Amino acid sequence: MMKRIGELKAENARLKEKSECQAQAIDAFDKKLREAEAEVARLKTENSGLRAGIESLERVDNKVIARLKEENEQLFFASQGSVKYVDHQMALARQATEHHKEMDRLKAEVERLTKAGDAMASIIKYEPGVNTFDPVPDVVKRWHAAKEGKQP
């Protein structure tokens, strides 16, 4: 009888240790998941802001181009070949170039953030046997929805 009690105590201790390990693993997973969700939310916000910036620059760029065309015609007839006309056109061209550079930079930033979000979504893994729920697909689904401009 004492032998059986000893065996049961040993089994109980082993199961308790295993349960504690699993609880720690679940806590660690939950922490990683919360961090990933927070990063996805931050990236969605940043991505949204960058997209708005690109759209704004595209509108400004189109307005600048239309204004440049109009000013080009007016200045051509008003000052045919003068240095002042050339200087003005160069300034407008530089301004348009700067707008294009900024738009390219913002597009690259959106691409970088999208790739970072994709990379993060691809490394989030569900660990069978560690927890009995599966929140990861929801995080990944929300990331893909955010990339398409859909907010949850």
N, C-alpha and C. Protein backbone atom coordinates (compact mmCIF):
# COMPACT_ATOMS: atom_id res chain seq x y z
N MET A 1 0.82 -1.19 0.00
CA MET A 1 0.00 0.00 0.00
C MET A 1 0.87 1.26 0.00
N MET A 2 1.91 1.31 0.80
CA MET A 2 2.81 2.45 0.87
C MET A 2 3.55 2.63 -0.46
N LYS A 3 3.88 1.49 -1.04
CA LYS A 3 4.56 1.56 -2.34
C LYS A 3 3.66 2.25 -3.37
N ARG A 4 2.39 1.87 -3.36
CA ARG A 4 1.41 2.45 -4.30
C ARG A 4 1.24 3.96 -4.05
N ILE A 5 1.21 4.34 -2.78
CA ILE A 5 1.09 5.76 -2.42
C ILE A 5 2.31 6.52 -2.92
N GLY A 6 3.47 5.94 -2.75
CA GLY A 6 4.70 6.56 -3.25
C GLY A 6 4.67 6.73 -4.76
N GLU A 7 4.19 5.68 -5.46
CA GLU A 7 4.10 5.76 -6.92
C GLU A 7 3.13 6.86 -7.34
N LEU A 8 1.99 6.93 -6.65
CA LEU A 8 0.99 7.95 -6.99
C LEU A 8 1.52 9.35 -6.70
N LYS A 9 2.26 9.52 -5.61
CA LYS A 9 2.84 10.83 -5.31
C LYS A 9 3.85 11.22 -6.39
N ALA A 10 4.66 10.27 -6.81
CA ALA A 10 5.64 10.55 -7.87
C ALA A 10 4.93 10.92 -9.17
N GLU A 11 3.89 10.17 -9.48
CA GLU A 11 3.11 10.46 -10.70
C GLU A 11 2.46 11.84 -10.60
N ASN A 12 1.92 12.14 -9.43
CA ASN A 12 1.29 13.44 -9.19
C ASN A 12 2.32 14.57 -9.37
N ALA A 13 3.52 14.41 -8.84
CA ALA A 13 4.57 15.42 -8.97
C ALA A 13 4.96 15.59 -10.43
N ARG A 14 5.09 14.47 -11.16
CA ARG A 14 5.44 14.54 -12.57
C ARG A 14 4.37 15.28 -13.37
N LEU A 15 3.10 14.94 -13.09
CA LEU A 15 2.01 15.60 -13.80
C LEU A 15 1.92 17.09 -13.44
N LYS A 16 2.18 17.42 -12.20
CA LYS A 16 2.16 18.81 -11.77
C LYS A 16 3.25 19.59 -12.49
N GLU A 17 4.44 19.01 -12.60
CA GLU A 17 5.56 19.68 -13.29
C GLU A 17 5.23 19.86 -14.77
N LYS A 18 4.65 18.82 -15.37
CA LYS A 18 4.27 18.91 -16.78
C LYS A 18 3.21 19.99 -16.99
N SER A 19 2.24 20.06 -16.08
CA SER A 19 1.19 21.07 -16.16
C SER A 19 1.77 22.47 -16.04
N GLU A 20 2.73 22.65 -15.14
CA GLU A 20 3.37 23.96 -14.98
C GLU A 20 4.14 24.34 -16.24
N CYS A 21 4.83 23.39 -16.84
CA CYS A 21 5.57 23.66 -18.08
C CYS A 21 4.61 24.08 -19.19
N GLN A 22 3.48 23.37 -19.28
CA GLN A 22 2.50 23.71 -20.31
C GLN A 22 1.90 25.09 -20.05
N ALA A 23 1.65 25.41 -18.80
CA ALA A 23 1.11 26.73 -18.47
C ALA A 23 2.11 27.81 -18.84
N GLN A 24 3.39 27.57 -18.60
CA GLN A 24 4.42 28.55 -18.97
C GLN A 24 4.49 28.69 -20.48
N ALA A 25 4.39 27.58 -21.19
CA ALA A 25 4.43 27.63 -22.66
C ALA A 25 3.24 28.41 -23.19
N ILE A 26 2.07 28.18 -22.61
CA ILE A 26 0.86 28.91 -23.04
C ILE A 26 1.01 30.40 -22.75
N ASP A 27 1.53 30.72 -21.57
CA ASP A 27 1.74 32.13 -21.23
C ASP A 27 2.71 32.79 -22.22
N ALA A 28 3.79 32.08 -22.54
CA ALA A 28 4.77 32.63 -23.49
C ALA A 28 4.14 32.82 -24.87
N PHE A 29 3.35 31.83 -25.29
CA PHE A 29 2.67 31.93 -26.59
C PHE A 29 1.69 33.10 -26.58
N ASP A 30 0.92 33.22 -25.49
CA ASP A 30 -0.03 34.33 -25.40
C ASP A 30 0.68 35.67 -25.45
N LYS A 31 1.82 35.78 -24.81
CA LYS A 31 2.59 37.03 -24.83
C LYS A 31 3.05 37.34 -26.25
N LYS A 32 3.59 36.31 -26.94
CA LYS A 32 4.03 36.51 -28.32
C LYS A 32 2.86 36.91 -29.20
N LEU A 33 1.72 36.28 -28.97
CA LEU A 33 0.54 36.59 -29.78
C LEU A 33 0.09 38.03 -29.55
N ARG A 34 0.07 38.47 -28.29
CA ARG A 34 -0.32 39.86 -28.00
C ARG A 34 0.66 40.83 -28.64
N GLU A 35 1.95 40.51 -28.57
CA GLU A 35 2.96 41.37 -29.19
C GLU A 35 2.76 41.43 -30.70
N ALA A 36 2.49 40.27 -31.30
CA ALA A 36 2.28 40.23 -32.75
C ALA A 36 1.03 41.02 -33.13
N GLU A 37 -0.03 40.88 -32.35
CA GLU A 37 -1.26 41.61 -32.64
C GLU A 37 -1.03 43.12 -32.51
N ALA A 38 -0.27 43.52 -31.49
CA ALA A 38 0.03 44.94 -31.31
C ALA A 38 0.87 45.46 -32.48
N GLU A 39 1.83 44.66 -32.93
CA GLU A 39 2.67 45.08 -34.06
C GLU A 39 1.84 45.16 -35.34
N VAL A 40 0.93 44.22 -35.53
CA VAL A 40 0.06 44.25 -36.71
C VAL A 40 -0.80 45.52 -36.66
N ALA A 41 -1.34 45.85 -35.49
CA ALA A 41 -2.16 47.06 -35.37
C ALA A 41 -1.32 48.30 -35.67
N ARG A 42 -0.09 48.34 -35.15
CA ARG A 42 0.78 49.48 -35.39
C ARG A 42 1.11 49.61 -36.88
N LEU A 43 1.42 48.46 -37.49
CA LEU A 43 1.75 48.48 -38.92
C LEU A 43 0.55 48.87 -39.77
N LYS A 44 -0.65 48.42 -39.37
CA LYS A 44 -1.85 48.80 -40.10
C LYS A 44 -2.04 50.31 -40.05
N THR A 45 -1.85 50.89 -38.87
CA THR A 45 -2.01 52.33 -38.72
C THR A 45 -0.97 53.07 -39.55
N GLU A 46 0.27 52.61 -39.45
CA GLU A 46 1.35 53.26 -40.21
C GLU A 46 1.12 53.10 -41.71
N ASN A 47 0.70 51.92 -42.11
CA ASN A 47 0.44 51.63 -43.52
C ASN A 47 -0.69 52.54 -44.03
N SER A 48 -1.73 52.69 -43.23
CA SER A 48 -2.86 53.52 -43.61
C SER A 48 -2.42 54.98 -43.79
N GLY A 49 -1.58 55.44 -42.85
CA GLY A 49 -1.07 56.81 -42.96
C GLY A 49 -0.22 57.00 -44.20
N LEU A 50 0.61 56.02 -44.50
CA LEU A 50 1.47 56.12 -45.68
C LEU A 50 0.64 56.09 -46.96
N ARG A 51 -0.38 55.26 -46.97
CA ARG A 51 -1.25 55.22 -48.16
C ARG A 51 -1.94 56.57 -48.36
N ALA A 52 -2.40 57.16 -47.26
CA ALA A 52 -3.04 58.48 -47.34
C ALA A 52 -2.04 59.51 -47.86
N GLY A 53 -0.79 59.39 -47.40
CA GLY A 53 0.25 60.31 -47.88
C GLY A 53 0.49 60.16 -49.36
N ILE A 54 0.52 58.93 -49.83
CA ILE A 54 0.72 58.68 -51.26
C ILE A 54 -0.44 59.26 -52.07
N GLU A 55 -1.66 59.01 -51.60
CA GLU A 55 -2.83 59.55 -52.32
C GLU A 55 -2.80 61.07 -52.35
N SER A 56 -2.42 61.67 -51.23
CA SER A 56 -2.33 63.12 -51.18
C SER A 56 -1.27 63.64 -52.14
N LEU A 57 -0.11 62.99 -52.15
CA LEU A 57 0.95 63.41 -53.06
C LEU A 57 0.55 63.21 -54.52
N GLU A 58 -0.19 62.15 -54.81
CA GLU A 58 -0.64 61.95 -56.19
C GLU A 58 -1.59 63.06 -56.61
N ARG A 59 -2.48 63.48 -55.70
CA ARG A 59 -3.39 64.58 -56.02
C ARG A 59 -2.60 65.87 -56.23
N VAL A 60 -1.67 66.12 -55.33
CA VAL A 60 -0.83 67.32 -55.44
C VAL A 60 -0.03 67.27 -56.73
N ASP A 61 0.54 66.10 -57.02
CA ASP A 61 1.35 65.93 -58.22
C ASP A 61 0.53 66.24 -59.48
N ASN A 62 -0.69 65.74 -59.55
CA ASN A 62 -1.54 66.01 -60.72
C ASN A 62 -1.86 67.50 -60.82
N LYS A 63 -2.09 68.14 -59.68
CA LYS A 63 -2.36 69.58 -59.69
C LYS A 63 -1.12 70.34 -60.13
N VAL A 64 0.03 69.91 -59.64
CA VAL A 64 1.29 70.58 -60.02
C VAL A 64 1.52 70.44 -61.52
N ILE A 65 1.28 69.26 -62.06
CA ILE A 65 1.48 69.03 -63.49
C ILE A 65 0.54 69.93 -64.30
N ALA A 66 -0.73 70.00 -63.90
CA ALA A 66 -1.68 70.85 -64.62
C ALA A 66 -1.26 72.32 -64.53
N ARG A 67 -0.85 72.73 -63.35
CA ARG A 67 -0.40 74.12 -63.17
C ARG A 67 0.85 74.38 -64.00
N LEU A 68 1.76 73.41 -64.01
CA LEU A 68 2.98 73.57 -64.79
C LEU A 68 2.68 73.74 -66.28
N LYS A 69 1.76 72.95 -66.77
CA LYS A 69 1.40 73.06 -68.19
C LYS A 69 0.83 74.44 -68.49
N GLU A 70 -0.07 74.88 -67.63
CA GLU A 70 -0.69 76.19 -67.84
C GLU A 70 0.35 77.31 -67.76
N GLU A 71 1.19 77.24 -66.72
CA GLU A 71 2.23 78.26 -66.57
C GLU A 71 3.23 78.20 -67.71
N ASN A 72 3.50 77.01 -68.17
CA ASN A 72 4.43 76.85 -69.28
C ASN A 72 3.94 77.60 -70.52
N GLU A 73 2.70 77.41 -70.83
CA GLU A 73 2.14 78.11 -71.99
C GLU A 73 2.15 79.63 -71.78
N GLN A 74 1.72 80.06 -70.60
CA GLN A 74 1.67 81.50 -70.33
C GLN A 74 3.06 82.12 -70.37
N LEU A 75 4.00 81.45 -69.72
CA LEU A 75 5.36 81.99 -69.68
C LEU A 75 6.04 81.95 -71.04
N PHE A 76 5.76 80.93 -71.81
CA PHE A 76 6.38 80.83 -73.12
C PHE A 76 6.01 82.03 -73.98
N PHE A 77 4.72 82.33 -74.00
CA PHE A 77 4.29 83.45 -74.83
C PHE A 77 4.67 84.80 -74.21
N ALA A 78 4.77 84.85 -72.90
CA ALA A 78 5.06 86.12 -72.25
C ALA A 78 6.55 86.47 -72.29
N SER A 79 7.40 85.47 -72.22
CA SER A 79 8.82 85.80 -72.07
C SER A 79 9.75 85.05 -73.01
N GLN A 80 9.27 84.52 -74.07
CA GLN A 80 9.99 83.71 -75.04
C GLN A 80 11.51 83.78 -74.91
N GLY A 81 12.05 82.75 -74.32
CA GLY A 81 13.49 82.58 -74.27
C GLY A 81 14.22 83.34 -73.19
N SER A 82 13.51 84.08 -72.34
CA SER A 82 14.23 84.84 -71.32
C SER A 82 14.80 83.92 -70.24
N VAL A 83 15.83 84.40 -69.58
CA VAL A 83 16.48 83.65 -68.50
C VAL A 83 15.51 83.44 -67.36
N LYS A 84 14.69 84.45 -67.10
CA LYS A 84 13.70 84.34 -66.03
C LYS A 84 12.75 83.18 -66.29
N TYR A 85 12.32 83.03 -67.51
CA TYR A 85 11.43 81.93 -67.89
C TYR A 85 12.11 80.58 -67.66
N VAL A 86 13.35 80.47 -68.08
CA VAL A 86 14.09 79.22 -67.92
C VAL A 86 14.27 78.89 -66.44
N ASP A 87 14.63 79.88 -65.65
CA ASP A 87 14.81 79.67 -64.21
C ASP A 87 13.51 79.18 -63.56
N HIS A 88 12.42 79.81 -63.93
CA HIS A 88 11.13 79.42 -63.36
C HIS A 88 10.77 77.98 -63.75
N GLN A 89 10.98 77.65 -65.00
CA GLN A 89 10.68 76.29 -65.45
C GLN A 89 11.55 75.26 -64.73
N MET A 90 12.80 75.61 -64.50
CA MET A 90 13.71 74.70 -63.78
C MET A 90 13.22 74.49 -62.34
N ALA A 91 12.78 75.56 -61.70
CA ALA A 91 12.27 75.45 -60.33
C ALA A 91 11.04 74.56 -60.28
N LEU A 92 10.15 74.74 -61.26
CA LEU A 92 8.95 73.91 -61.30
C LEU A 92 9.30 72.44 -61.58
N ALA A 93 10.27 72.22 -62.44
CA ALA A 93 10.70 70.85 -62.73
C ALA A 93 11.31 70.20 -61.48
N ARG A 94 12.12 70.98 -60.74
CA ARG A 94 12.70 70.45 -59.50
C ARG A 94 11.60 70.11 -58.50
N GLN A 95 10.60 70.97 -58.42
CA GLN A 95 9.48 70.73 -57.51
C GLN A 95 8.75 69.43 -57.90
N ALA A 96 8.50 69.25 -59.17
CA ALA A 96 7.84 68.02 -59.63
C ALA A 96 8.71 66.80 -59.34
N THR A 97 10.01 66.94 -59.53
CA THR A 97 10.94 65.84 -59.25
C THR A 97 10.90 65.48 -57.77
N GLU A 98 10.87 66.49 -56.91
CA GLU A 98 10.81 66.23 -55.47
C GLU A 98 9.52 65.51 -55.10
N HIS A 99 8.42 65.90 -55.72
CA HIS A 99 7.16 65.22 -55.45
C HIS A 99 7.24 63.75 -55.88
N HIS A 100 7.85 63.50 -57.01
CA HIS A 100 8.00 62.12 -57.48
C HIS A 100 8.89 61.32 -56.54
N LYS A 101 9.97 61.94 -56.08
CA LYS A 101 10.87 61.25 -55.14
C LYS A 101 10.13 60.90 -53.86
N GLU A 102 9.36 61.84 -53.33
CA GLU A 102 8.62 61.60 -52.10
C GLU A 102 7.57 60.51 -52.30
N MET A 103 6.91 60.53 -53.44
CA MET A 103 5.92 59.50 -53.73
C MET A 103 6.60 58.13 -53.83
N ASP A 104 7.75 58.06 -54.48
CA ASP A 104 8.50 56.80 -54.58
C ASP A 104 8.95 56.32 -53.21
N ARG A 105 9.39 57.26 -52.36
CA ARG A 105 9.81 56.88 -51.02
C ARG A 105 8.65 56.30 -50.22
N LEU A 106 7.47 56.94 -50.32
CA LEU A 106 6.31 56.44 -49.59
C LEU A 106 5.85 55.09 -50.13
N LYS A 107 5.91 54.92 -51.43
CA LYS A 107 5.54 53.63 -52.00
C LYS A 107 6.49 52.54 -51.52
N ALA A 108 7.77 52.84 -51.46
CA ALA A 108 8.75 51.87 -50.95
C ALA A 108 8.50 51.56 -49.48
N GLU A 109 8.11 52.57 -48.72
CA GLU A 109 7.83 52.36 -47.30
C GLU A 109 6.61 51.46 -47.12
N VAL A 110 5.56 51.69 -47.91
CA VAL A 110 4.38 50.83 -47.86
C VAL A 110 4.77 49.40 -48.21
N GLU A 111 5.59 49.24 -49.23
CA GLU A 111 6.04 47.90 -49.64
C GLU A 111 6.84 47.23 -48.51
N ARG A 112 7.73 47.99 -47.88
CA ARG A 112 8.54 47.45 -46.79
C ARG A 112 7.66 47.01 -45.62
N LEU A 113 6.70 47.86 -45.26
CA LEU A 113 5.82 47.51 -44.15
C LEU A 113 4.92 46.33 -44.49
N THR A 114 4.47 46.27 -45.73
CA THR A 114 3.65 45.14 -46.15
C THR A 114 4.46 43.85 -46.08
N LYS A 115 5.71 43.89 -46.54
CA LYS A 115 6.56 42.70 -46.46
C LYS A 115 6.84 42.32 -45.01
N ALA A 116 7.04 43.32 -44.16
CA ALA A 116 7.28 43.03 -42.74
C ALA A 116 6.05 42.37 -42.12
N GLY A 117 4.88 42.89 -42.45
CA GLY A 117 3.64 42.28 -41.94
C GLY A 117 3.46 40.87 -42.46
N ASP A 118 3.75 40.66 -43.74
CA ASP A 118 3.66 39.32 -44.32
C ASP A 118 4.63 38.38 -43.64
N ALA A 119 5.84 38.84 -43.40
CA ALA A 119 6.85 38.00 -42.75
C ALA A 119 6.39 37.65 -41.34
N MET A 120 5.84 38.63 -40.64
CA MET A 120 5.38 38.37 -39.28
C MET A 120 4.21 37.38 -39.30
N ALA A 121 3.30 37.57 -40.23
CA ALA A 121 2.16 36.67 -40.32
C ALA A 121 2.61 35.25 -40.66
N SER A 122 3.67 35.13 -41.45
CA SER A 122 4.12 33.79 -41.85
C SER A 122 4.86 33.06 -40.73
N ILE A 123 5.40 33.78 -39.74
CA ILE A 123 6.13 33.10 -38.67
C ILE A 123 5.26 32.77 -37.48
N ILE A 124 4.04 33.33 -37.45
CA ILE A 124 3.14 32.99 -36.35
C ILE A 124 2.67 31.55 -36.59
N LYS A 125 2.93 30.72 -35.66
CA LYS A 125 2.60 29.29 -35.81
C LYS A 125 1.70 28.85 -34.65
N TYR A 126 0.82 27.94 -34.95
CA TYR A 126 0.01 27.29 -33.93
C TYR A 126 0.80 26.08 -33.44
N GLU A 127 0.87 25.92 -32.14
CA GLU A 127 1.65 24.83 -31.57
C GLU A 127 0.70 23.76 -31.01
N PRO A 128 0.46 22.69 -31.77
CA PRO A 128 -0.46 21.64 -31.29
C PRO A 128 0.03 21.05 -29.98
N GLY A 129 -0.92 20.77 -29.10
CA GLY A 129 -0.59 20.15 -27.83
C GLY A 129 -0.25 21.15 -26.75
N VAL A 130 0.07 22.40 -27.15
CA VAL A 130 0.43 23.41 -26.15
C VAL A 130 -0.83 24.13 -25.68
N ASN A 131 -1.71 24.44 -26.62
CA ASN A 131 -2.95 25.08 -26.22
C ASN A 131 -4.10 24.47 -27.01
N THR A 132 -5.29 24.68 -26.49
CA THR A 132 -6.45 24.02 -27.09
C THR A 132 -7.29 24.98 -27.90
N PHE A 133 -6.77 26.12 -28.22
CA PHE A 133 -7.47 27.08 -29.06
C PHE A 133 -6.56 27.48 -30.20
N ASP A 134 -7.15 28.13 -31.18
CA ASP A 134 -6.36 28.47 -32.37
C ASP A 134 -6.63 29.91 -32.77
N PRO A 135 -6.04 30.91 -32.07
CA PRO A 135 -6.29 32.31 -32.41
C PRO A 135 -5.45 32.80 -33.58
N VAL A 136 -4.43 32.07 -33.95
CA VAL A 136 -3.48 32.53 -34.96
C VAL A 136 -4.15 32.80 -36.30
N PRO A 137 -4.97 31.89 -36.82
CA PRO A 137 -5.58 32.19 -38.12
C PRO A 137 -6.35 33.51 -38.11
N ASP A 138 -6.95 33.86 -36.98
CA ASP A 138 -7.67 35.12 -36.90
C ASP A 138 -6.72 36.30 -37.04
N VAL A 139 -5.56 36.24 -36.42
CA VAL A 139 -4.56 37.31 -36.54
C VAL A 139 -4.10 37.43 -37.99
N VAL A 140 -3.81 36.29 -38.59
CA VAL A 140 -3.33 36.29 -39.97
C VAL A 140 -4.43 36.79 -40.91
N LYS A 141 -5.68 36.37 -40.67
CA LYS A 141 -6.79 36.85 -41.50
C LYS A 141 -6.93 38.36 -41.37
N ARG A 142 -6.79 38.87 -40.14
CA ARG A 142 -6.90 40.32 -39.95
C ARG A 142 -5.77 41.06 -40.66
N TRP A 143 -4.58 40.49 -40.67
CA TRP A 143 -3.46 41.13 -41.37
C TRP A 143 -3.76 41.20 -42.86
N HIS A 144 -4.23 40.07 -43.43
CA HIS A 144 -4.51 40.07 -44.87
C HIS A 144 -5.64 41.04 -45.21
N ALA A 145 -6.63 41.17 -44.34
CA ALA A 145 -7.71 42.14 -44.56
C ALA A 145 -7.16 43.56 -44.51
N ALA A 146 -6.25 43.81 -43.59
CA ALA A 146 -5.65 45.15 -43.49
C ALA A 146 -4.85 45.49 -44.74
N LYS A 147 -4.16 44.51 -45.30
CA LYS A 147 -3.39 44.76 -46.53
C LYS A 147 -4.32 45.18 -47.67
N GLU A 148 -5.53 44.66 -47.65
CA GLU A 148 -6.47 45.00 -48.72
C GLU A 148 -7.24 46.29 -48.40
N GLY A 149 -6.88 46.92 -47.28
CA GLY A 149 -7.53 48.17 -46.92
C GLY A 149 -8.82 47.99 -46.15
N LYS A 150 -9.10 46.78 -45.72
CA LYS A 150 -10.31 46.50 -44.95
C LYS A 150 -9.95 46.55 -43.47
N GLN A 151 -10.73 47.27 -42.69
CA GLN A 151 -10.48 47.34 -41.26
C GLN A 151 -11.43 46.36 -40.57
N PRO A 152 -10.92 45.65 -39.55
CA PRO A 152 -11.80 44.68 -38.83
C PRO A 152 -12.85 45.39 -38.01
